């Protein structure tokens, strides 16, 4: 069964599928205050705007990060 983690920021849900991640590092390089691989939880969505989060997630090369809006 696939592991899926979800992180919330207002009406945005960030979805992370760890098995799809290729560790390209685009997320960490783009938004280092949000993505910290050494921290738990490793995604701190409050450290960026929704627009910045969506832009970074759209740039994820593996599709491991996605989002939905409610």
Protein backbone atom coordinates (compact mmCIF):
# COMPACT_ATOMS: atom_id res chain seq x y z
CA UNK A 1 0.00 0.00 0.00
CA UNK A 2 1.29 3.44 -0.94
CA UNK A 3 2.22 5.83 1.86
CA UNK A 4 0.69 9.26 1.48
CA UNK A 5 1.30 12.14 3.88
CA UNK A 6 -0.80 15.29 3.93
CA UNK A 7 0.04 18.73 5.30
CA UNK A 8 -2.50 21.53 5.63
CA UNK A 9 -2.27 25.29 5.12
CA UNK A 10 -5.60 27.04 5.14
CA UNK A 11 -7.55 25.69 2.13
CA UNK A 12 -4.47 24.01 0.60
CA UNK A 13 -3.58 20.38 1.28
CA UNK A 14 -0.03 19.40 0.34
CA UNK A 15 0.20 15.74 -0.61
CA UNK A 16 3.53 13.91 -0.42
CA UNK A 17 4.08 10.41 -1.82
CA UNK A 18 7.50 9.37 -0.46
CA UNK A 19 7.92 6.38 -2.80
CA UNK A 20 7.66 8.65 -5.86
CA UNK A 21 10.33 11.03 -4.55
CA UNK A 22 13.59 10.99 -6.54
CA UNK A 23 15.34 13.35 -4.08
CA UNK A 24 16.10 15.95 -6.75
CA UNK A 25 16.08 18.57 -4.00
CA UNK A 26 14.04 21.14 -5.94
CA UNK A 27 11.69 21.62 -2.97
CA UNK A 28 14.51 22.13 -0.44
CA UNK A 29 16.44 24.49 -2.74
CA UNK A 30 13.33 26.51 -3.64
CA UNK A 31 11.74 26.80 -0.18
CA UNK A 32 14.32 25.82 2.48
CA UNK A 33 12.19 27.27 5.29
CA UNK A 34 9.34 24.91 4.33
CA UNK A 35 11.19 21.71 3.44
CA UNK A 36 13.69 20.39 5.99
CA UNK A 37 14.50 16.70 5.45
CA UNK A 38 16.03 16.46 8.93
CA UNK A 39 12.94 17.78 10.76
CA UNK A 40 9.72 16.04 11.75
CA UNK A 41 7.40 16.94 10.21
CA UNK A 42 9.69 17.80 7.33
CA UNK A 43 7.15 20.10 5.64
CA UNK A 44 6.33 23.31 7.52
CA UNK A 45 3.73 24.85 5.24
CA UNK A 46 3.26 27.94 7.43
CA UNK A 47 6.69 29.19 6.35
CA UNK A 48 5.56 30.19 2.82
CA UNK A 49 2.57 31.69 1.08
CA UNK A 50 0.06 29.47 -0.67
CA UNK A 51 1.16 30.94 -4.02
CA UNK A 52 4.82 30.07 -3.32
CA UNK A 53 3.89 26.56 -2.15
CA UNK A 54 1.82 25.89 -5.28
CA UNK A 55 4.58 27.20 -7.54
CA UNK A 56 7.19 25.00 -5.90
CA UNK A 57 4.95 21.91 -5.91
CA UNK A 58 4.23 22.43 -9.62
CA UNK A 59 8.02 22.29 -10.18
CA UNK A 60 8.47 18.91 -8.45
CA UNK A 61 10.12 16.73 -11.12
CA UNK A 62 8.88 13.38 -9.81
CA UNK A 63 5.29 14.29 -8.96
CA UNK A 64 5.89 13.17 -5.37
CA UNK A 65 4.47 16.50 -4.22
CA UNK A 66 1.02 17.59 -5.28
CA UNK A 67 -1.80 19.59 -3.76
CA UNK A 68 -5.54 20.02 -3.67
CA UNK A 69 -7.57 23.04 -2.77
CA UNK A 70 -10.79 22.93 -0.79
